[in-house]
Amino acid sequence: MLNKLDEFPIHQTPEPVAHAATTDRNFYERFWYNGYSADGAYYFGITLGLYPHRGIMDCAFSVVHKNGKQYSFFGSRRAPADRTELQVGPFRLEILEPMRSARVVLEENASGLSCDLVFSTRTSAIQEGRQTLWLGVRRIMDCTRFDQFGRWRGVLRSPEGEIAITEVTCLGIKDRSWGVRPVGERETGGAPDMPAGTFFAWVPLAWDDHISHAIFFDNMAGEPLVREALTAPLYASAEAVPGVEDGRIRRLATARHRIGYVPGTRLPHHVELCLRDHDDSERRITLETLLTFHMKGLGYNHPEWGYGMWKGELALGHESFDPRKLDLLDYPNMHTQQVVRAREGDRVATGVLEHVCIGAYAPGGFKEYFDGAAA
């Protein structure tokens, strides 16, 4: 199966571009963005995913207002043959300049959400370490991800009103990933999997002149499966970024975390990070949480709009909920991103803390699959 991209010298195998190197049904390509105000007044998330072996493309747009509701738009369609066609119903993603800027448009629809937003990067592309996770003898996750820190401009409308998005007030992060990860309907057949848990934390922070980033995967004893910490320059504008990779990313030796949870929940409340360099020097950072965004608003663990689930030739949906009224120990509500203010001595940064912890996780004091933190 040929498409437009086969015209370019980008092939990695003898097959056309549309043919992934693996036939794993859960192969995916995903665009993911967030945007947030530094004072925690609002947060929005955007995603578009392609699952070529499932024949599906889906998307979501979600926004939460401080002291207000979270609103979501969902879309799903049969995957197009043309890999440059990044549109699902009223939603479309336009790559204005690769690795520099992109435009996201959501036209008016029944959700009450719409937008016309442009993302411009302030960093080069920052490749995270390859993430590989196993369930028994099966590799269930094997993916590559790169991040870019930037700013947004444009307009966003929700049932709670219109927000003028400016580069002065709205920061954002682009997360581009591909590979294999669990998506779609639960698999059936064969022996049942043994119950397993997960701990993941992802902490990108924007300081005045640089970014710091920390990634954690733990097993349920708290032992590290992935520990990654890095810093990179933050440029004044997309035009000032020297290239796709500028060679100035500094990969540190390791990172540690300590998380205090809201009693009766698994929602982080107080967080301490330690970023250790190769000379054993350390950066100690504390995080203050300002606003919580529930990732189910973008499809994560959503019972109806989960990623890679067949909904028909074209399906659109929407929902809203009050985050203050959720059962935070209900499985779909346990994966969050929080706008955070970070402090290191007199220095202050803004960023997000993505967190999910399910299962008997020893460092959190959790003994059951879904129990909450002690008082």
Protein backbone atom coordinates (compact mmCIF):
# COMPACT_ATOMS: atom_id res chain seq x y z
CA MET A 1 0.00 0.00 0.00
CA LEU A 2 1.61 3.23 -1.20
CA ASN A 3 0.97 6.76 0.02
CA LYS A 4 2.42 10.25 -0.54
CA LEU A 5 5.30 9.75 1.86
CA ASP A 6 6.74 6.99 -0.31
CA GLU A 7 7.95 9.78 -2.61
CA PHE A 8 10.50 10.82 0.03
CA PRO A 9 13.75 9.02 0.93
CA ILE A 10 12.59 8.02 4.43
CA HIS A 11 12.16 4.24 4.20
CA GLN A 12 13.63 2.04 6.93
CA THR A 13 12.71 -1.32 5.38
CA PRO A 14 12.08 -2.59 1.81
CA GLU A 15 8.34 -2.15 2.48
CA PRO A 16 6.28 0.97 1.70
CA VAL A 17 6.02 3.50 4.54
CA ALA A 18 2.51 2.32 5.44
CA HIS A 19 3.92 -1.10 6.41
CA ALA A 20 5.32 -0.97 9.96
CA ALA A 21 8.41 -3.06 10.70
CA THR A 22 6.38 -5.02 13.25
CA THR A 23 3.03 -6.69 12.72
CA ASP A 24 2.08 -6.32 16.39
CA ARG A 25 -1.58 -5.34 16.43
CA ASN A 26 -0.83 -2.63 19.00
CA PHE A 27 1.63 -0.65 16.89
CA TYR A 28 0.74 3.04 17.11
CA GLU A 29 1.75 6.59 16.16
CA ARG A 30 0.64 9.43 18.44
CA PHE A 31 0.71 13.20 18.63
CA TRP A 32 0.09 14.60 22.10
CA TYR A 33 0.13 18.20 23.32
CA ASN A 34 -0.78 20.08 26.45
CA GLY A 35 -1.18 23.77 27.23
CA TYR A 36 -1.58 25.53 30.55
CA SER A 37 -1.37 28.90 32.24
CA ALA A 38 1.42 29.34 34.75
CA ASP A 39 -1.05 30.33 37.49
CA GLY A 40 -3.09 27.14 37.02
CA ALA A 41 -6.19 28.93 35.72
CA TYR A 42 -6.70 26.36 32.94
CA TYR A 43 -5.15 23.31 31.29
CA PHE A 44 -5.95 21.71 27.94
CA GLY A 45 -4.81 18.48 26.33
CA ILE A 46 -4.80 17.34 22.70
CA THR A 47 -4.14 13.96 21.15
CA LEU A 48 -4.32 12.28 17.75
CA GLY A 49 -3.41 8.63 17.31
CA LEU A 50 -3.06 6.22 14.40
CA TYR A 51 -3.23 2.43 14.82
CA PRO A 52 -2.46 1.07 11.34
CA HIS A 53 -2.94 -2.63 12.16
CA ARG A 54 -6.29 -1.86 13.78
CA GLY A 55 -7.33 0.45 10.92
CA ILE A 56 -8.26 3.26 13.31
CA MET A 57 -7.44 6.94 13.80
CA ASP A 58 -8.77 8.76 16.87
CA CYS A 59 -8.42 12.11 18.59
CA ALA A 60 -9.47 14.05 21.66
CA PHE A 61 -9.47 17.60 22.97
CA SER A 62 -10.12 18.37 26.64
CA VAL A 63 -9.94 21.44 28.88
CA VAL A 64 -10.37 21.99 32.61
CA HIS A 65 -10.94 25.35 34.29
CA LYS A 66 -9.80 26.10 37.83
CA ASN A 67 -12.82 25.62 40.11
CA GLY A 68 -14.83 24.54 37.06
CA LYS A 69 -15.65 21.46 35.01
CA GLN A 70 -13.54 19.42 32.64
CA TYR A 71 -14.92 19.18 29.09
CA SER A 72 -13.93 16.70 26.39
CA PHE A 73 -14.42 16.14 22.66
CA PHE A 74 -13.71 12.68 21.22
CA GLY A 75 -13.49 11.53 17.61
CA SER A 76 -12.73 8.23 15.88
CA ARG A 77 -12.67 7.10 12.23
CA ARG A 78 -11.39 4.44 9.90
CA ALA A 79 -7.69 5.18 9.41
CA PRO A 80 -6.92 6.98 6.15
CA ALA A 81 -4.45 5.44 3.70
CA ASP A 82 -2.71 8.83 3.40
CA ARG A 83 -0.46 9.30 6.45
CA THR A 84 -0.49 13.09 5.91
CA GLU A 85 -4.25 13.24 6.49
CA LEU A 86 -4.50 14.19 10.17
CA GLN A 87 -8.21 14.88 10.50
CA VAL A 88 -11.12 13.31 12.35
CA GLY A 89 -14.44 15.03 11.67
CA PRO A 90 -14.21 18.66 12.90
CA PHE A 91 -10.71 18.10 14.35
CA ARG A 92 -7.53 18.54 12.36
CA LEU A 93 -3.83 18.83 13.06
CA GLU A 94 -1.62 20.76 10.63
CA ILE A 95 2.17 20.44 10.74
CA LEU A 96 3.14 24.00 9.78
CA GLU A 97 6.89 23.40 10.05
CA PRO A 98 8.23 20.04 11.22
CA MET A 99 9.82 20.23 14.67
CA ARG A 100 8.95 23.95 14.90
CA SER A 101 5.22 24.69 14.80
CA ALA A 102 1.81 23.08 14.41
CA ARG A 103 -1.81 24.22 14.25
CA VAL A 104 -4.74 22.52 15.94
CA VAL A 105 -8.28 23.34 14.82
CA LEU A 106 -11.49 22.05 16.36
CA GLU A 107 -14.49 23.46 14.55
CA GLU A 108 -17.78 24.07 16.34
CA ASN A 109 -19.52 20.84 17.34
CA ALA A 110 -21.98 19.43 19.87
CA SER A 111 -19.37 19.35 22.68
CA GLY A 112 -19.32 23.14 23.01
CA LEU A 113 -15.53 22.98 22.59
CA SER A 114 -13.72 24.64 19.70
CA CYS A 115 -10.29 26.12 19.10
CA ASP A 116 -7.79 27.50 16.64
CA LEU A 117 -4.36 27.20 18.26
CA VAL A 118 -0.76 27.37 17.09
CA PHE A 119 2.08 25.71 19.00
CA SER A 120 5.62 27.06 18.59
CA THR A 121 8.57 25.29 20.12
CA ARG A 122 11.29 26.82 22.31
CA THR A 123 13.49 23.73 22.48
CA SER A 124 15.01 21.30 20.07
CA ALA A 125 13.54 17.81 19.95
CA ILE A 126 14.44 15.96 23.16
CA GLN A 127 14.47 12.19 22.71
CA GLU A 128 13.64 10.20 25.81
CA GLY A 129 15.18 6.82 26.42
CA ARG A 130 13.46 3.93 24.69
CA GLN A 131 10.75 2.60 26.99
CA THR A 132 10.34 -1.17 27.12
CA LEU A 133 8.10 -3.01 29.57
CA TRP A 134 7.36 -6.71 29.89
CA LEU A 135 4.40 -8.70 31.19
CA GLY A 136 5.84 -12.12 31.89
CA VAL A 137 7.55 -13.24 28.69
CA ARG A 138 5.70 -10.77 26.48
CA ARG A 139 6.95 -7.31 25.61
CA ILE A 140 3.82 -5.16 25.95
CA MET A 141 5.47 -1.76 25.51
CA ASP A 142 8.34 -0.75 23.27
CA CYS A 143 8.24 2.84 22.12
CA THR A 144 10.24 5.94 21.29
CA ARG A 145 9.20 9.40 22.41
CA PHE A 146 10.50 12.92 21.92
CA ASP A 147 9.40 16.10 23.64
CA GLN A 148 9.46 19.78 22.82
CA PHE A 149 8.65 22.66 25.17
CA GLY A 150 6.90 25.68 23.71
CA ARG A 151 4.09 28.21 23.79
CA TRP A 152 0.59 28.56 22.35
CA ARG A 153 -1.37 31.36 20.71
CA GLY A 154 -4.93 31.52 19.42
CA VAL A 155 -8.38 31.08 20.90
CA LEU A 156 -10.15 28.34 22.85
CA ARG A 157 -13.88 28.18 23.51
CA SER A 158 -15.69 26.00 26.03
CA PRO A 159 -19.13 26.07 27.66
CA GLU A 160 -17.51 28.22 30.38
CA GLY A 161 -16.46 30.92 27.92
CA GLU A 162 -13.70 31.99 25.59
CA ILE A 163 -10.00 32.07 26.51
CA ALA A 164 -7.61 34.27 24.54
CA ILE A 165 -4.45 32.16 24.36
CA THR A 166 -1.22 34.17 24.14
CA GLU A 167 2.42 33.13 24.10
CA VAL A 168 3.01 35.28 27.18
CA THR A 169 0.55 33.34 29.34
CA CYS A 170 0.23 29.84 27.83
CA LEU A 171 3.04 27.29 28.03
CA GLY A 172 2.89 23.85 26.50
CA ILE A 173 4.62 20.56 25.78
CA LYS A 174 4.59 18.41 22.66
CA ASP A 175 4.95 14.66 23.10
CA ARG A 176 5.43 12.63 19.91
CA SER A 177 5.69 8.86 20.25
CA TRP A 178 5.45 5.64 18.26
CA GLY A 179 5.98 1.94 18.75
CA VAL A 180 3.97 -0.69 20.63
CA ARG A 181 1.86 -0.16 23.75
CA PRO A 182 -1.43 -1.56 25.08
CA VAL A 183 -4.33 -0.02 23.13
CA GLY A 184 -7.81 -1.02 22.07
CA GLU A 185 -10.14 -3.60 23.51
CA ARG A 186 -8.84 -6.07 26.08
CA GLU A 187 -7.42 -9.21 24.51
CA THR A 188 -9.24 -12.48 25.11
CA GLY A 189 -8.17 -16.10 24.97
CA GLY A 190 -5.34 -17.95 26.63
CA ALA A 191 -4.45 -18.06 30.30
CA PRO A 192 -5.45 -14.94 32.24
CA ASP A 193 -2.70 -12.49 33.07
CA MET A 194 -1.55 -12.33 36.66
CA PRO A 195 -2.60 -9.08 38.36
CA ALA A 196 0.08 -6.44 37.96
CA GLY A 197 0.40 -2.83 38.98
CA THR A 198 2.15 0.21 37.57
CA PHE A 199 3.82 3.38 38.76
CA PHE A 200 4.69 6.13 36.30
CA ALA A 201 5.67 9.77 36.80
CA TRP A 202 6.65 12.25 34.08
CA VAL A 203 7.84 15.70 35.18
CA PRO A 204 8.76 18.29 32.51
CA LEU A 205 9.55 21.72 33.98
CA ALA A 206 10.26 25.07 32.26
CA TRP A 207 12.74 27.33 34.09
CA ASP A 208 13.81 30.82 32.96
CA ASP A 209 16.59 29.71 30.60
CA HIS A 210 16.36 25.90 30.43
CA ILE A 211 14.12 22.92 30.95
CA SER A 212 14.50 19.97 33.25
CA HIS A 213 12.78 16.66 32.74
CA ALA A 214 12.47 13.52 34.82
CA ILE A 215 10.83 10.18 33.94
CA PHE A 216 10.10 7.33 36.36
CA PHE A 217 8.81 3.78 35.92
CA ASP A 218 8.85 1.73 39.15
CA ASN A 219 7.89 -1.81 39.96
CA MET A 220 5.52 -2.28 42.86
CA ALA A 221 8.34 -2.58 45.40
CA GLY A 222 9.51 0.87 44.31
CA GLU A 223 12.53 -0.48 42.49
CA PRO A 224 13.44 1.51 39.36
CA LEU A 225 12.61 0.14 35.93
CA VAL A 226 13.29 3.49 34.23
CA ARG A 227 15.07 6.49 35.75
CA GLU A 228 15.85 9.35 33.42
CA ALA A 229 16.75 12.97 34.10
CA LEU A 230 17.96 15.63 31.69
CA THR A 231 18.26 19.35 31.08
CA ALA A 232 18.23 21.31 27.82
CA PRO A 233 18.39 24.96 26.69
CA LEU A 234 15.18 26.98 26.41
CA TYR A 235 15.32 29.43 23.50
CA ALA A 236 13.53 32.74 23.06
CA SER A 237 11.56 31.61 20.00
CA ALA A 238 11.17 28.80 17.48
CA GLU A 239 13.41 30.74 15.08
CA ALA A 240 16.22 30.75 17.66
CA VAL A 241 16.21 26.96 18.06
CA PRO A 242 19.37 25.88 16.19
CA GLY A 243 18.06 22.63 14.71
CA VAL A 244 16.15 19.42 15.20
CA GLU A 245 18.77 18.40 17.79
CA ASP A 246 21.15 21.07 19.05
CA GLY A 247 23.61 18.83 20.88
CA ARG A 248 23.22 20.68 24.20
CA ILE A 249 20.95 18.21 25.98
CA ARG A 250 22.61 17.10 29.21
CA ARG A 251 21.61 13.65 30.39
CA LEU A 252 22.06 13.30 34.13
CA ALA A 253 23.03 10.18 36.06
CA THR A 254 19.68 9.45 37.71
CA ALA A 255 16.65 10.86 39.49
CA ARG A 256 14.69 10.09 42.64
CA HIS A 257 11.24 11.06 43.82
CA ARG A 258 9.26 11.31 47.05
CA ILE A 259 5.49 11.77 46.74
CA GLY A 260 2.96 12.64 49.42
CA TYR A 261 -0.67 11.85 48.56
CA VAL A 262 -3.98 13.44 49.45
CA PRO A 263 -5.35 11.21 52.24
CA GLY A 264 -7.79 8.59 51.01
CA THR A 265 -6.62 8.98 47.39
CA ARG A 266 -3.65 8.41 45.10
CA LEU A 267 -3.58 12.03 43.97
CA PRO A 268 -0.15 13.63 44.51
CA HIS A 269 -0.13 16.59 46.85
CA HIS A 270 3.50 17.23 47.84
CA VAL A 271 6.37 16.09 45.63
CA GLU A 272 10.14 16.24 46.01
CA LEU A 273 12.57 15.48 43.19
CA CYS A 274 16.29 14.86 43.33
CA LEU A 275 18.17 15.09 40.02
CA ARG A 276 21.69 13.68 40.40
CA ASP A 277 24.49 14.51 37.98
CA HIS A 278 27.45 12.31 37.10
CA ASP A 279 29.70 14.17 39.55
CA ASP A 280 27.21 13.33 42.35
CA SER A 281 25.99 16.94 42.59
CA GLU A 282 22.24 17.17 43.13
CA ARG A 283 19.33 19.44 42.35
CA ARG A 284 16.56 19.24 44.93
CA ILE A 285 13.21 20.45 43.63
CA THR A 286 9.84 20.70 45.36
CA LEU A 287 6.54 20.79 43.49
CA GLU A 288 3.37 22.60 44.49
CA THR A 289 0.27 21.31 42.69
CA LEU A 290 -2.05 23.99 41.28
CA LEU A 291 -4.64 22.30 39.04
CA THR A 292 -5.60 18.69 38.25
CA PHE A 293 -6.48 17.41 34.78
CA HIS A 294 -7.89 13.90 34.44
CA MET A 295 -6.31 11.99 31.56
CA LYS A 296 -9.52 10.05 30.91
CA GLY A 297 -10.60 13.31 29.24
CA LEU A 298 -8.19 12.39 26.44
CA GLY A 299 -9.14 8.71 26.35
CA TYR A 300 -6.69 7.20 28.85
CA ASN A 301 -8.46 4.23 30.50
CA HIS A 302 -11.78 5.60 29.27
CA PRO A 303 -14.41 2.84 29.19
CA GLU A 304 -16.01 4.14 25.98
CA TRP A 305 -13.40 6.32 24.24
CA GLY A 306 -10.21 4.41 25.02
CA TYR A 307 -7.41 4.55 22.46
CA GLY A 308 -7.60 2.37 19.37
CA MET A 309 -11.16 1.16 19.94
CA TRP A 310 -13.29 0.64 16.84
CA LYS A 311 -16.24 3.04 16.88
CA GLY A 312 -17.29 2.88 13.23
CA GLU A 313 -16.46 4.75 10.04
CA LEU A 314 -16.79 8.08 11.87
CA ALA A 315 -17.93 8.61 15.45
CA LEU A 316 -17.97 11.77 17.57
CA GLY A 317 -18.65 12.10 21.27
CA HIS A 318 -18.30 14.43 24.22
CA GLU A 319 -18.65 14.54 27.99
CA SER A 320 -18.12 16.83 30.96
CA PHE A 321 -17.63 16.23 34.67
CA ASP A 322 -16.83 18.08 37.86
CA PRO A 323 -13.37 16.93 39.04
CA ARG A 324 -14.31 17.76 42.64
CA LYS A 325 -17.07 15.14 42.59
CA LEU A 326 -15.11 12.20 41.16
CA ASP A 327 -14.25 9.04 43.04
CA LEU A 328 -10.47 9.38 42.81
CA LEU A 329 -9.97 5.66 43.48
CA ASP A 330 -12.13 4.63 40.52
CA TYR A 331 -9.76 3.21 37.90
CA PRO A 332 -10.48 5.69 35.05
CA ASN A 333 -9.89 8.64 37.43
CA MET A 334 -6.46 7.63 38.74
CA HIS A 335 -4.31 8.87 35.85
CA THR A 336 -3.75 12.63 36.09
CA GLN A 337 -1.62 15.54 34.99
CA GLN A 338 -1.27 18.43 37.40
CA VAL A 339 -0.03 21.94 36.70
CA VAL A 340 2.80 22.50 39.17
CA ARG A 341 4.98 25.30 40.47
CA ALA A 342 8.52 24.08 41.06
CA ARG A 343 11.05 25.60 43.46
CA GLU A 344 14.78 25.08 43.78
CA GLY A 345 16.03 27.58 46.34
CA ASP A 346 15.09 31.00 44.96
CA ARG A 347 14.46 29.68 41.44
CA VAL A 348 10.92 29.02 40.25
CA ALA A 349 9.66 26.98 37.30
CA THR A 350 6.30 25.94 35.89
CA GLY A 351 5.43 22.56 34.47
CA VAL A 352 3.32 19.46 34.86
CA LEU A 353 3.38 16.27 36.87
CA GLU A 354 1.89 13.26 35.14
CA HIS A 355 1.23 10.44 37.56
CA VAL A 356 -0.48 7.07 37.71
CA CYS A 357 -0.10 4.49 40.47
CA ILE A 358 -2.18 1.31 40.46
CA GLY A 359 -1.51 -1.71 42.62
CA ALA A 360 0.25 -2.46 45.91
CA TYR A 361 3.00 0.19 45.67
CA ALA A 362 5.27 0.00 48.72
CA PRO A 363 6.73 3.56 48.78
CA GLY A 364 3.20 5.02 48.80
CA GLY A 365 2.09 2.70 51.57
CA PHE A 366 -0.50 1.11 49.26
CA LYS A 367 -1.28 -2.52 50.05
CA GLU A 368 -4.26 -3.19 47.78
CA TYR A 369 -4.96 -2.59 44.13
CA PHE A 370 -7.04 0.55 44.65
CA ASP A 371 -6.60 1.64 48.29
CA GLY A 372 -5.92 5.27 49.17
CA ALA A 373 -3.21 6.98 51.17
CA ALA A 374 -3.33 6.93 54.94
CA ALA A 375 -4.17 10.16 56.74
